[in-house]
Protein backbone atom coordinates (compact mmCIF):
# COMPACT_ATOMS: atom_id res chain seq x y z
CA MET A 1 -101.15 178.21 37.03
CA ALA A 2 -99.11 177.18 33.99
CA PHE A 3 -100.93 177.19 30.64
CA GLU A 4 -99.58 176.20 27.26
CA SER A 5 -101.73 176.27 24.10
CA GLY A 6 -104.77 176.79 26.31
CA GLN A 7 -104.24 173.59 28.30
CA LEU A 8 -103.41 173.28 31.97
CA LYS A 9 -99.96 171.79 32.56
CA LYS A 10 -99.37 169.77 35.71
CA ALA A 11 -96.25 170.36 37.78
CA THR A 12 -93.93 167.39 38.21
CA LEU A 13 -90.97 166.38 40.32
CA ARG A 14 -88.74 164.16 38.18
CA VAL A 15 -85.71 162.01 38.98
CA VAL A 16 -82.93 163.10 36.60
CA ASP A 17 -80.06 161.21 38.23
CA GLY A 18 -80.23 158.01 40.26
CA ASP A 19 -82.23 154.80 40.08
CA ALA A 20 -85.03 155.79 42.49
CA THR A 21 -88.49 154.49 41.67
CA PRO A 22 -90.89 155.73 40.61
CA SER A 23 -88.98 158.18 38.45
CA SER A 24 -91.54 161.00 38.61
CA LEU A 25 -94.41 162.38 40.66
CA THR A 26 -97.02 164.50 38.88
CA PHE A 27 -98.91 166.86 41.14
CA MET A 28 -102.66 166.40 41.42
CA TYR A 29 -102.94 170.15 42.02
CA ASN A 30 -100.38 172.70 40.91
CA PRO A 31 -98.75 174.59 43.80
CA GLU A 32 -100.28 177.92 44.73
CA GLU A 33 -96.76 179.16 45.44
CA PHE A 34 -93.23 178.00 45.99
CA GLN A 35 -90.27 179.65 47.67
CA THR A 36 -86.65 179.68 46.57
CA ALA A 37 -83.67 181.18 48.34
CA LYS A 38 -79.91 181.48 48.02
CA SER A 39 -77.44 183.18 50.33
CA SER A 40 -73.75 183.97 50.50
CA SER A 41 -71.32 184.05 53.41
CA TRP A 42 -69.16 187.08 54.18
CA ASN A 43 -66.41 187.56 56.74
CA ARG A 44 -65.74 190.97 58.23
CA PRO A 45 -62.17 191.16 59.61
CA THR A 46 -61.73 192.99 62.89
CA THR A 47 -59.06 195.58 63.54
CA THR A 48 -58.38 197.94 66.43
CA SER A 49 -57.08 200.73 64.20
CA ALA A 50 -59.99 201.14 61.81
CA LYS A 51 -62.13 204.27 62.23
CA SER A 52 -65.08 202.53 60.61
CA ALA A 53 -66.29 199.02 59.89
CA THR A 54 -64.00 196.90 57.72
CA LYS A 55 -65.02 195.75 54.26
CA PRO A 56 -66.67 192.33 54.11
CA GLN A 57 -64.71 189.53 52.42
CA PHE A 58 -66.54 186.97 50.35
CA ALA A 59 -66.41 183.45 51.90
CA GLY A 60 -68.71 181.44 49.65
CA VAL A 61 -72.15 180.93 48.19
CA GLY A 62 -74.63 178.62 49.84
CA PRO A 63 -76.82 176.16 47.94
CA GLN A 64 -80.12 177.30 46.49
CA THR A 65 -83.15 175.98 48.36
CA VAL A 66 -86.71 175.39 47.17
CA SER A 67 -89.78 174.69 49.29
CA MET A 68 -93.38 174.05 48.36
CA ASP A 69 -96.57 172.35 49.51
CA ILE A 70 -98.02 169.43 47.55
CA PHE A 71 -101.64 168.32 47.95
CA PHE A 72 -103.09 164.87 47.31
CA ASP A 73 -106.83 164.15 47.11
CA ALA A 74 -108.51 160.83 46.30
CA TYR A 75 -111.90 161.70 47.79
CA GLY A 76 -113.75 161.30 44.50
CA ASP A 77 -112.29 157.85 43.76
CA SER A 78 -114.05 154.97 45.51
CA ALA A 79 -110.79 153.00 45.48
CA GLY A 80 -108.53 156.02 45.94
CA ASP A 81 -105.58 156.03 48.34
CA VAL A 82 -102.89 158.74 48.65
CA THR A 83 -100.44 156.50 50.50
CA GLU A 84 -98.25 155.75 47.47
CA GLN A 85 -97.73 159.39 46.52
CA VAL A 86 -96.61 160.29 50.03
CA ARG A 87 -94.43 157.17 50.21
CA THR A 88 -92.70 158.20 46.98
CA LEU A 89 -91.62 161.48 48.55
CA LEU A 90 -90.41 159.75 51.70
CA ASP A 91 -88.43 157.21 49.64
CA TRP A 92 -86.74 159.98 47.65
CA VAL A 93 -85.17 161.27 50.85
CA LYS A 94 -83.17 158.02 51.09
CA PRO A 95 -80.00 157.06 49.18
CA THR A 96 -80.59 155.28 45.87
CA PRO A 97 -80.00 151.49 45.68
CA SER A 98 -77.10 151.80 43.22
CA SER A 99 -75.31 154.42 45.32
CA ILE A 100 -75.57 152.17 48.38
CA ALA A 101 -74.18 149.25 46.37
CA LYS A 102 -71.19 151.43 45.37
CA LYS A 103 -70.71 152.46 49.02
CA LEU A 104 -71.29 156.09 48.02
CA PRO A 105 -74.79 156.65 49.41
CA SER A 106 -76.45 159.63 47.76
CA PRO A 107 -80.05 160.69 47.16
CA PRO A 108 -81.66 160.95 43.73
CA THR A 109 -81.26 164.24 41.91
CA LEU A 110 -84.62 165.88 41.23
CA ALA A 111 -85.84 168.52 38.79
CA PHE A 112 -89.03 170.57 39.05
CA GLU A 113 -90.96 170.85 35.78
CA TRP A 114 -94.07 172.92 35.16
CA GLY A 115 -95.10 173.50 31.58
CA SER A 116 -93.01 176.27 30.02
CA SER A 117 -92.06 177.85 33.36
CA LYS A 118 -88.39 178.83 33.54
CA ALA A 119 -88.43 179.80 37.22
CA LEU A 120 -86.67 176.59 38.31
CA ALA A 121 -85.68 175.17 34.92
CA GLU A 122 -81.98 175.02 35.83
CA PHE A 123 -82.47 173.84 39.41
CA ARG A 124 -81.25 170.36 40.33
CA GLY A 125 -81.46 169.27 43.91
CA TYR A 126 -82.11 166.56 46.45
CA LEU A 127 -85.11 166.20 48.70
CA LYS A 128 -83.77 167.34 52.06
CA SER A 129 -86.97 166.96 54.07
CA VAL A 130 -90.62 165.97 53.79
CA THR A 131 -93.35 166.66 56.31
CA ALA A 132 -96.61 164.93 55.41
CA SER A 133 -100.03 165.34 57.02
CA TYR A 134 -102.89 162.92 56.37
CA THR A 135 -106.08 164.93 56.70
CA MET A 136 -109.00 162.68 55.64
CA PHE A 137 -109.69 158.96 55.90
CA ARG A 138 -112.27 156.40 54.83
CA PRO A 139 -114.10 154.46 57.56
CA ASP A 140 -111.53 151.67 57.20
CA GLY A 141 -108.63 154.07 57.83
CA THR A 142 -107.46 154.47 54.22
CA PRO A 143 -106.01 157.99 53.79
CA ILE A 144 -107.70 159.87 50.95
CA ARG A 145 -106.34 163.37 51.51
CA ALA A 146 -102.86 164.50 52.45
CA SER A 147 -100.53 167.44 52.16
CA ALA A 148 -96.74 167.41 52.12
CA LYS A 149 -94.28 170.25 52.69
CA VAL A 150 -91.10 169.48 50.78
CA ASN A 151 -87.72 171.16 50.98
CA LEU A 152 -85.11 170.69 48.28
CA GLU A 153 -81.49 171.76 48.32
CA GLU A 154 -79.30 172.41 45.30
CA ILE A 155 -76.80 169.81 44.09
CA PRO A 156 -73.82 171.40 42.32
CA GLN A 157 -73.56 170.27 38.70
CA ASP A 158 -70.20 169.40 37.15
CA PRO A 159 -69.27 172.12 34.63
CA ALA A 160 -69.07 170.84 31.06
CA GLY A 161 -65.55 169.98 30.02
CA GLN A 162 -64.16 170.02 33.55
CA ASN A 163 -63.98 166.27 34.12
CA PRO A 164 -60.45 165.71 35.48
CA THR A 165 -60.08 162.53 33.45
CA SER A 166 -60.98 164.19 30.14
CA GLY A 167 -58.05 166.55 29.59
CA SER A 168 -54.71 167.86 30.74
CA LEU A 169 -54.19 169.29 34.19
CA GLU A 170 -53.66 172.74 32.69
CA SER A 171 -57.14 172.67 31.12
CA GLN A 172 -58.90 171.98 34.42
CA ALA A 173 -60.70 174.50 36.58
CA SER A 174 -58.47 176.01 39.23
CA VAL A 175 -58.62 178.54 42.03
CA THR A 176 -55.96 180.58 43.79
CA LEU A 177 -56.21 180.97 47.55
CA ARG A 178 -56.66 184.52 48.80
CA ASP A 179 -55.56 186.02 52.12
CA GLY A 180 -57.62 184.46 54.89
CA ASP A 181 -58.93 181.75 52.55
CA SER A 182 -59.20 178.10 53.53
CA LEU A 183 -59.91 174.80 51.84
CA GLN A 184 -63.30 174.74 53.57
CA ALA A 185 -64.18 178.12 52.03
CA VAL A 186 -63.10 176.96 48.58
CA ALA A 187 -65.10 173.74 48.91
CA TRP A 188 -68.17 175.76 49.92
CA ARG A 189 -67.79 178.09 46.92
CA GLU A 190 -67.19 175.30 44.42
CA TYR A 191 -69.49 172.55 45.69
CA GLY A 192 -71.82 174.09 48.26
CA ASP A 193 -70.36 171.63 50.78
CA ALA A 194 -67.48 172.60 53.05
CA ALA A 195 -66.82 168.93 53.89
CA MET A 196 -65.43 168.47 50.36
CA TRP A 197 -62.20 170.17 51.53
CA ARG A 198 -60.77 166.71 52.13
CA GLY A 199 -61.31 165.85 48.47
CA LEU A 200 -59.58 169.06 47.38
CA ALA A 201 -56.64 168.33 49.67
CA ALA A 202 -56.27 164.75 48.43
CA TYR A 203 -56.59 165.72 44.77
CA ASN A 204 -53.89 168.37 45.10
CA GLY A 205 -51.59 166.22 47.26
CA LEU A 206 -51.38 168.72 50.10
CA ASP A 207 -49.15 167.60 52.98
CA ASP A 208 -50.72 170.00 55.49
CA PRO A 209 -54.22 170.96 54.29
CA LEU A 210 -54.81 173.13 57.36
CA ARG A 211 -51.89 175.43 56.50
CA VAL A 212 -52.07 176.32 52.82
CA PRO A 213 -50.56 179.76 52.08
CA ALA A 214 -52.33 182.45 50.10
CA GLY A 215 -51.37 182.37 46.44
CA THR A 216 -51.47 178.58 46.24
CA ARG A 217 -53.15 177.38 43.04
CA LEU A 218 -55.52 174.46 43.50
CA LEU A 219 -56.97 172.25 40.80
CA VAL A 220 -60.71 171.70 41.26
CA PRO A 221 -61.96 168.17 40.49
CA SER A 222 -65.57 167.37 39.66
CA TYR A 223 -67.98 167.06 42.56
CA SER A 224 -68.17 163.27 42.18
CA GLU A 225 -64.36 162.97 42.16
CA ALA A 226 -64.00 165.26 45.19
CA ARG A 227 -66.64 163.25 47.05
CA ARG A 228 -64.87 159.98 46.25
CA LEU A 229 -61.55 161.31 47.50
CA ALA A 230 -63.16 162.88 50.57
CA ARG A 231 -64.40 159.41 51.50
CA GLY A 232 -60.83 158.09 51.25
CA GLU A 233 -61.50 155.84 48.30
CA GLY A 234 -58.41 156.99 46.44
């Protein structure tokens, strides 16, 4: 449990980007535990002449994931109903209204807050999945207890000062392709999404994005810019 100045602090999932409503969900009971994970991808080249296994080559870092169980209980409230809390989680899985209007459907970005805990203070992610179980009902069918297993996945944040519209091309982030590298691998390392390779190719004006030689220097746009270009919105 999280305590601060002797008082119990409730954990909260909060919308920090996007116009989803409501903008926060405070837990009725703090989680007993939560899990977080992050992995990287490595390629191990094969060769017929090596006397031992070849050295692994770094291919990218996957997005951080967070999972936890949330419990809702309205048993002690004669008018209690846990439907709205569960519905909030289910709605947060969907694209936000403004992103749909812009034809760039994207989910709200969420942050996990729990008193002074720093365990997930820097994490920003989207709600990838929700599995809810209603476990107790009133005689009229109103659900008064429920649990929900939620899984969040990291959303890459644009580095400060790397907005491609805010400075010269020379001041932007860039990467140089290594032997065996690909645009998909670069997109995975930079954005956690290999599909953003199309945005990288468009931004750098590559004529043949499937055949980019090692040593090529690529400028790296912000995630939002790469996504826009990947969707062909020029």
